[in-house]
């Protein structure tokens, strides 16, 4: 049998800051299914508040090898 671990490394929590190459992701608010966040590029002056589901944000952080800076 092939069992995969379903335990997340760091669950998304309000106030977290994730660092990636060339950008940062700030978690503004975490709900039951959705996450409000800001994706800040290094050269951006203003960034909009975005909304997405938890699974897609976690997948984005994993594929971009994000590192938890604050949280």
PDB file of N, CA and C in Angstrom:
ATOM      1  N   UNK A   1       0.824  -1.173   0.000  1.00  0.00           N
ATOM      2  CA  UNK A   1       0.000   0.000   0.000  1.00  0.00           C
ATOM      3  C   UNK A   1       0.872   1.241   0.000  1.00  0.00           C
ATOM      4  N   UNK A   2       0.382   2.283  -0.672  1.00  0.00           N
ATOM      5  CA  UNK A   2       1.104   3.533  -0.751  1.00  0.00           C
ATOM      6  C   UNK A   2       0.309   4.614  -0.023  1.00  0.00           C
ATOM      7  N   UNK A   3       0.778   5.028   1.149  1.00  0.00           N
ATOM      8  CA  UNK A   3       0.104   6.057   1.938  1.00  0.00           C
ATOM      9  C   UNK A   3       0.877   7.359   1.821  1.00  0.00           C
ATOM     10  N   UNK A   4       0.136   8.457   1.596  1.00  0.00           N
ATOM     11  CA  UNK A   4       0.753   9.773   1.526  1.00  0.00           C
ATOM     12  C   UNK A   4       0.368  10.572   2.761  1.00  0.00           C
ATOM     13  N   UNK A   5       1.287  11.372   3.231  1.00  0.00           N
ATOM     14  CA  UNK A   5       1.026  12.214   4.391  1.00  0.00           C
ATOM     15  C   UNK A   5       0.160  13.400   3.980  1.00  0.00           C
ATOM     16  N   UNK A   6      -0.877  13.665   4.721  1.00  0.00           N
ATOM     17  CA  UNK A   6      -1.773  14.782   4.444  1.00  0.00           C
ATOM     18  C   UNK A   6      -1.600  15.898   5.471  1.00  0.00           C
ATOM     19  N   UNK A   7      -0.540  15.873   6.241  1.00  0.00           N
ATOM     20  CA  UNK A   7      -0.311  16.875   7.278  1.00  0.00           C
ATOM     21  C   UNK A   7       0.381  18.088   6.665  1.00  0.00           C
ATOM     22  N   UNK A   8      -0.235  19.294   6.738  1.00  0.00           N
ATOM     23  CA  UNK A   8       0.420  20.478   6.188  1.00  0.00           C
ATOM     24  C   UNK A   8       1.600  20.902   7.059  1.00  0.00           C
ATOM     25  N   UNK A   9       2.642  21.442   6.425  1.00  0.00           N
ATOM     26  CA  UNK A   9       3.831  21.868   7.158  1.00  0.00           C
ATOM     27  C   UNK A   9       3.506  23.039   8.081  1.00  0.00           C
ATOM     28  N   UNK A  10       2.961  24.117   7.538  1.00  0.00           N
ATOM     29  CA  UNK A  10       2.538  25.275   8.314  1.00  0.00           C
ATOM     30  C   UNK A  10       1.150  25.687   7.844  1.00  0.00           C
ATOM     31  N   UNK A  11       0.128  25.575   8.691  1.00  0.00           N
ATOM     32  CA  UNK A  11      -1.203  25.992   8.265  1.00  0.00           C
ATOM     33  C   UNK A  11      -1.252  27.509   8.096  1.00  0.00           C
ATOM     34  N   UNK A  12      -2.091  27.978   7.186  1.00  0.00           N
ATOM     35  CA  UNK A  12      -2.219  29.405   6.949  1.00  0.00           C
ATOM     36  C   UNK A  12      -2.913  30.069   8.126  1.00  0.00           C
ATOM     37  N   UNK A  13      -2.310  31.154   8.618  1.00  0.00           N
ATOM     38  CA  UNK A  13      -2.827  31.886   9.766  1.00  0.00           C
ATOM     39  C   UNK A  13      -2.793  33.373   9.433  1.00  0.00           C
ATOM     40  N   UNK A  14      -3.758  34.119   9.926  1.00  0.00           N
ATOM     41  CA  UNK A  14      -3.802  35.554   9.717  1.00  0.00           C
ATOM     42  C   UNK A  14      -2.522  36.205  10.239  1.00  0.00           C
ATOM     43  N   UNK A  15      -1.925  37.076   9.421  1.00  0.00           N
ATOM     44  CA  UNK A  15      -0.734  37.812   9.826  1.00  0.00           C
ATOM     45  C   UNK A  15       0.577  37.217   9.352  1.00  0.00           C
ATOM     46  N   UNK A  16       0.542  36.080   8.686  1.00  0.00           N
ATOM     47  CA  UNK A  16       1.780  35.463   8.217  1.00  0.00           C
ATOM     48  C   UNK A  16       2.368  36.236   7.041  1.00  0.00           C
ATOM     49  N   UNK A  17       3.698  36.197   6.932  1.00  0.00           N
ATOM     50  CA  UNK A  17       4.413  36.770   5.797  1.00  0.00           C
ATOM     51  C   UNK A  17       5.275  35.666   5.210  1.00  0.00           C
ATOM     52  N   UNK A  18       5.082  35.382   3.925  1.00  0.00           N
ATOM     53  CA  UNK A  18       5.840  34.354   3.218  1.00  0.00           C
ATOM     54  C   UNK A  18       6.756  35.032   2.214  1.00  0.00           C
ATOM     55  N   UNK A  19       8.019  34.633   2.171  1.00  0.00           N
ATOM     56  CA  UNK A  19       8.987  35.208   1.242  1.00  0.00           C
ATOM     57  C   UNK A  19       9.314  34.209   0.149  1.00  0.00           C
ATOM     58  N   UNK A  20       9.327  34.718  -1.095  1.00  0.00           N
ATOM     59  CA  UNK A  20       9.710  33.929  -2.256  1.00  0.00           C
ATOM     60  C   UNK A  20      10.722  34.747  -3.040  1.00  0.00           C
ATOM     61  N   UNK A  21      11.259  34.153  -4.075  1.00  0.00           N
ATOM     62  CA  UNK A  21      12.216  34.872  -4.901  1.00  0.00           C
ATOM     63  C   UNK A  21      11.495  35.974  -5.671  1.00  0.00           C
ATOM     64  N   UNK A  22      11.827  37.220  -5.372  1.00  0.00           N
ATOM     65  CA  UNK A  22      11.257  38.358  -6.081  1.00  0.00           C
ATOM     66  C   UNK A  22       9.924  38.861  -5.567  1.00  0.00           C
ATOM     67  N   UNK A  23       9.379  38.270  -4.506  1.00  0.00           N
ATOM     68  CA  UNK A  23       8.079  38.725  -4.006  1.00  0.00           C
ATOM     69  C   UNK A  23       7.850  38.251  -2.568  1.00  0.00           C
ATOM     70  N   UNK A  24       6.786  38.811  -1.979  1.00  0.00           N
ATOM     71  CA  UNK A  24       6.325  38.412  -0.653  1.00  0.00           C
ATOM     72  C   UNK A  24       4.818  38.220  -0.709  1.00  0.00           C
ATOM     73  N   UNK A  25       4.293  37.363   0.135  1.00  0.00           N
ATOM     74  CA  UNK A  25       2.861  37.139   0.223  1.00  0.00           C
ATOM     75  C   UNK A  25       2.440  37.377   1.668  1.00  0.00           C
ATOM     76  N   UNK A  26       1.538  38.345   1.880  1.00  0.00           N
ATOM     77  CA  UNK A  26       1.038  38.673   3.206  1.00  0.00           C
ATOM     78  C   UNK A  26      -0.364  38.123   3.358  1.00  0.00           C
ATOM     79  N   UNK A  27      -0.579  37.306   4.378  1.00  0.00           N
ATOM     80  CA  UNK A  27      -1.898  36.739   4.655  1.00  0.00           C
ATOM     81  C   UNK A  27      -2.660  37.753   5.501  1.00  0.00           C
ATOM     82  N   UNK A  28      -3.728  38.322   4.945  1.00  0.00           N
ATOM     83  CA  UNK A  28      -4.517  39.335   5.642  1.00  0.00           C
ATOM     84  C   UNK A  28      -5.581  38.704   6.541  1.00  0.00           C
ATOM     85  N   UNK A  29      -6.314  37.718   6.000  1.00  0.00           N
ATOM     86  CA  UNK A  29      -7.409  37.117   6.743  1.00  0.00           C
ATOM     87  C   UNK A  29      -7.620  35.693   6.240  1.00  0.00           C
ATOM     88  N   UNK A  30      -7.768  34.759   7.162  1.00  0.00           N
ATOM     89  CA  UNK A  30      -8.009  33.366   6.804  1.00  0.00           C
ATOM     90  C   UNK A  30      -9.393  32.977   7.309  1.00  0.00           C
ATOM     91  N   UNK A  31     -10.225  32.525   6.384  1.00  0.00           N
ATOM     92  CA  UNK A  31     -11.563  32.065   6.740  1.00  0.00           C
ATOM     93  C   UNK A  31     -11.634  30.550   6.702  1.00  0.00           C
ATOM     94  N   UNK A  32     -12.856  30.030   6.626  1.00  0.00           N
ATOM     95  CA  UNK A  32     -13.052  28.590   6.614  1.00  0.00           C
ATOM     96  C   UNK A  32     -12.533  27.978   5.314  1.00  0.00           C
ATOM     97  N   UNK A  33     -12.811  28.632   4.177  1.00  0.00           N
ATOM     98  CA  UNK A  33     -12.401  28.102   2.880  1.00  0.00           C
ATOM     99  C   UNK A  33     -11.559  29.081   2.067  1.00  0.00           C
ATOM    100  N   UNK A  34     -11.645  30.380   2.385  1.00  0.00           N
ATOM    101  CA  UNK A  34     -10.992  31.404   1.580  1.00  0.00           C
ATOM    102  C   UNK A  34      -9.901  32.142   2.346  1.00  0.00           C
ATOM    103  N   UNK A  35      -8.970  32.719   1.579  1.00  0.00           N
ATOM    104  CA  UNK A  35      -7.859  33.475   2.153  1.00  0.00           C
ATOM    105  C   UNK A  35      -7.784  34.826   1.443  1.00  0.00           C
ATOM    106  N   UNK A  36      -7.717  35.916   2.233  1.00  0.00           N
ATOM    107  CA  UNK A  36      -7.461  37.253   1.704  1.00  0.00           C
ATOM    108  C   UNK A  36      -5.957  37.473   1.835  1.00  0.00           C
ATOM    109  N   UNK A  37      -5.304  37.862   0.744  1.00  0.00           N
ATOM    110  CA  UNK A  37      -3.854  38.018   0.784  1.00  0.00           C
ATOM    111  C   UNK A  37      -3.402  39.115  -0.161  1.00  0.00           C
ATOM    112  N   UNK A  38      -2.170  39.588   0.053  1.00  0.00           N
ATOM    113  CA  UNK A  38      -1.519  40.542  -0.837  1.00  0.00           C
ATOM    114  C   UNK A  38      -0.246  39.905  -1.351  1.00  0.00           C
ATOM    115  N   UNK A  39      -0.097  39.881  -2.674  1.00  0.00           N
ATOM    116  CA  UNK A  39       1.124  39.387  -3.301  1.00  0.00           C
ATOM    117  C   UNK A  39       1.920  40.608  -3.740  1.00  0.00           C
ATOM    118  N   UNK A  40       3.031  40.864  -3.054  1.00  0.00           N
ATOM    119  CA  UNK A  40       3.817  42.073  -3.262  1.00  0.00           C
ATOM    120  C   UNK A  40       5.081  41.731  -4.030  1.00  0.00           C
ATOM    121  N   UNK A  41       5.194  42.274  -5.232  1.00  0.00           N
ATOM    122  CA  UNK A  41       6.423  42.136  -6.013  1.00  0.00           C
ATOM    123  C   UNK A  41       7.425  43.147  -5.478  1.00  0.00           C
ATOM    124  N   UNK A  42       8.709  42.891  -5.646  1.00  0.00           N
ATOM    125  CA  UNK A  42       9.734  43.769  -5.087  1.00  0.00           C
ATOM    126  C   UNK A  42       9.699  45.181  -5.662  1.00  0.00           C
ATOM    127  N   UNK A  43       9.276  45.352  -6.908  1.00  0.00           N
ATOM    128  CA  UNK A  43       9.273  46.669  -7.516  1.00  0.00           C
ATOM    129  C   UNK A  43       7.887  47.317  -7.551  1.00  0.00           C
ATOM    130  N   UNK A  44       6.893  46.740  -6.882  1.00  0.00           N
ATOM    131  CA  UNK A  44       5.525  47.260  -6.915  1.00  0.00           C
ATOM    132  C   UNK A  44       5.345  48.396  -5.914  1.00  0.00           C
ATOM    133  N   UNK A  45       4.577  49.407  -6.315  1.00  0.00           N
ATOM    134  CA  UNK A  45       4.271  50.507  -5.421  1.00  0.00           C
ATOM    135  C   UNK A  45       2.970  50.246  -4.666  1.00  0.00           C
ATOM    136  N   UNK A  46       1.975  49.684  -5.349  1.00  0.00           N
ATOM    137  CA  UNK A  46       0.701  49.344  -4.721  1.00  0.00           C
ATOM    138  C   UNK A  46       0.303  47.931  -5.125  1.00  0.00           C
ATOM    139  N   UNK A  47      -0.316  47.237  -4.217  1.00  0.00           N
ATOM    140  CA  UNK A  47      -0.774  45.875  -4.532  1.00  0.00           C
ATOM    141  C   UNK A  47      -2.220  45.718  -4.081  1.00  0.00           C
ATOM    142  N   UNK A  48      -3.051  45.084  -4.888  1.00  0.00           N
ATOM    143  CA  UNK A  48      -4.447  44.882  -4.496  1.00  0.00           C
ATOM    144  C   UNK A  48      -4.583  43.710  -3.520  1.00  0.00           C
ATOM    145  N   UNK A  49      -5.675  43.710  -2.802  1.00  0.00           N
ATOM    146  CA  UNK A  49      -6.021  42.599  -1.924  1.00  0.00           C
ATOM    147  C   UNK A  49      -6.681  41.529  -2.778  1.00  0.00           C
ATOM    148  N   UNK A  50      -6.191  40.308  -2.699  1.00  0.00           N
ATOM    149  CA  UNK A  50      -6.718  39.206  -3.509  1.00  0.00           C
ATOM    150  C   UNK A  50      -7.446  38.205  -2.629  1.00  0.00           C
ATOM    151  N   UNK A  51      -8.280  37.400  -3.253  1.00  0.00           N
ATOM    152  CA  UNK A  51      -9.068  36.398  -2.553  1.00  0.00           C
ATOM    153  C   UNK A  51      -8.979  35.091  -3.323  1.00  0.00           C
ATOM    154  N   UNK A  52      -8.669  34.006  -2.620  1.00  0.00           N
ATOM    155  CA  UNK A  52      -8.572  32.701  -3.250  1.00  0.00           C
ATOM    156  C   UNK A  52      -8.858  31.633  -2.206  1.00  0.00           C
ATOM    157  N   UNK A  53      -9.039  30.388  -2.667  1.00  0.00           N
ATOM    158  CA  UNK A  53      -9.284  29.320  -1.701  1.00  0.00           C
ATOM    159  C   UNK A  53      -7.961  28.846  -1.088  1.00  0.00           C
ATOM    160  N   UNK A  54      -8.045  28.211   0.064  1.00  0.00           N
ATOM    161  CA  UNK A  54      -6.856  27.800   0.816  1.00  0.00           C
ATOM    162  C   UNK A  54      -5.960  26.850   0.039  1.00  0.00           C
ATOM    163  N   UNK A  55      -6.559  25.886  -0.623  1.00  0.00           N
ATOM    164  CA  UNK A  55      -5.765  24.872  -1.324  1.00  0.00           C
ATOM    165  C   UNK A  55      -4.889  25.491  -2.401  1.00  0.00           C
ATOM    166  N   UNK A  56      -5.427  26.448  -3.169  1.00  0.00           N
ATOM    167  CA  UNK A  56      -4.640  27.051  -4.240  1.00  0.00           C
ATOM    168  C   UNK A  56      -3.517  27.928  -3.690  1.00  0.00           C
ATOM    169  N   UNK A  57      -3.751  28.615  -2.574  1.00  0.00           N
ATOM    170  CA  UNK A  57      -2.697  29.425  -1.964  1.00  0.00           C
ATOM    171  C   UNK A  57      -1.591  28.522  -1.420  1.00  0.00           C
ATOM    172  N   UNK A  58      -1.954  27.436  -0.766  1.00  0.00           N
ATOM    173  CA  UNK A  58      -0.955  26.492  -0.253  1.00  0.00           C
ATOM    174  C   UNK A  58      -0.152  25.879  -1.394  1.00  0.00           C
ATOM    175  N   UNK A  59      -0.820  25.550  -2.491  1.00  0.00           N
ATOM    176  CA  UNK A  59      -0.132  24.983  -3.652  1.00  0.00           C
ATOM    177  C   UNK A  59       0.822  26.004  -4.260  1.00  0.00           C
ATOM    178  N   UNK A  60       0.394  27.268  -4.353  1.00  0.00           N
ATOM    179  CA  UNK A  60       1.237  28.334  -4.880  1.00  0.00           C
ATOM    180  C   UNK A  60       2.494  28.513  -4.024  1.00  0.00           C
ATOM    181  N   UNK A  61       2.314  28.510  -2.708  1.00  0.00           N
ATOM    182  CA  UNK A  61       3.459  28.655  -1.803  1.00  0.00           C
ATOM    183  C   UNK A  61       4.420  27.481  -1.940  1.00  0.00           C
ATOM    184  N   UNK A  62       3.881  26.295  -2.093  1.00  0.00           N
ATOM    185  CA  UNK A  62       4.725  25.104  -2.219  1.00  0.00           C
ATOM    186  C   UNK A  62       5.502  25.091  -3.533  1.00  0.00           C
ATOM    187  N   UNK A  63       4.844  25.425  -4.638  1.00  0.00           N
ATOM    188  CA  UNK A  63       5.523  25.394  -5.936  1.00  0.00           C
ATOM    189  C   UNK A  63       6.575  26.489  -6.063  1.00  0.00           C
ATOM    190  N   UNK A  64       6.373  27.613  -5.363  1.00  0.00           N
ATOM    191  CA  UNK A  64       7.345  28.712  -5.411  1.00  0.00           C
ATOM    192  C   UNK A  64       8.353  28.671  -4.264  1.00  0.00           C
ATOM    193  N   UNK A  65       8.343  27.569  -3.506  1.00  0.00           N
ATOM    194  CA  UNK A  65       9.290  27.354  -2.412  1.00  0.00           C
ATOM    195  C   UNK A  65       9.343  28.531  -1.445  1.00  0.00           C
ATOM    196  N   UNK A  66       8.175  28.904  -0.969  1.00  0.00           N
ATOM    197  CA  UNK A  66       8.056  30.030  -0.042  1.00  0.00           C
ATOM    198  C   UNK A  66       8.598  29.670   1.334  1.00  0.00           C
ATOM    199  N   UNK A  67       9.152  30.680   2.000  1.00  0.00           N
ATOM    200  CA  UNK A  67       9.698  30.510   3.349  1.00  0.00           C
ATOM    201  C   UNK A  67       8.917  31.425   4.280  1.00  0.00           C
ATOM    202  N   UNK A  68       8.466  30.886   5.402  1.00  0.00           N
ATOM    203  CA  UNK A  68       7.725  31.659   6.375  1.00  0.00           C
ATOM    204  C   UNK A  68       8.674  32.595   7.108  1.00  0.00           C
ATOM    205  N   UNK A  69       8.431  33.898   6.995  1.00  0.00           N
ATOM    206  CA  UNK A  69       9.300  34.897   7.611  1.00  0.00           C
ATOM    207  C   UNK A  69       8.725  35.339   8.950  1.00  0.00           C
ATOM    208  N   UNK A  70       7.421  35.590   8.988  1.00  0.00           N
ATOM    209  CA  UNK A  70       6.780  36.086  10.196  1.00  0.00           C
ATOM    210  C   UNK A  70       5.438  35.414  10.330  1.00  0.00           C
ATOM    211  N   UNK A  71       5.088  35.038  11.539  1.00  0.00           N
ATOM    212  CA  UNK A  71       3.780  34.430  11.699  1.00  0.00           C
ATOM    213  C   UNK A  71       3.748  33.567  12.885  1.00  0.00           C
TER     214      UNK A  71
END
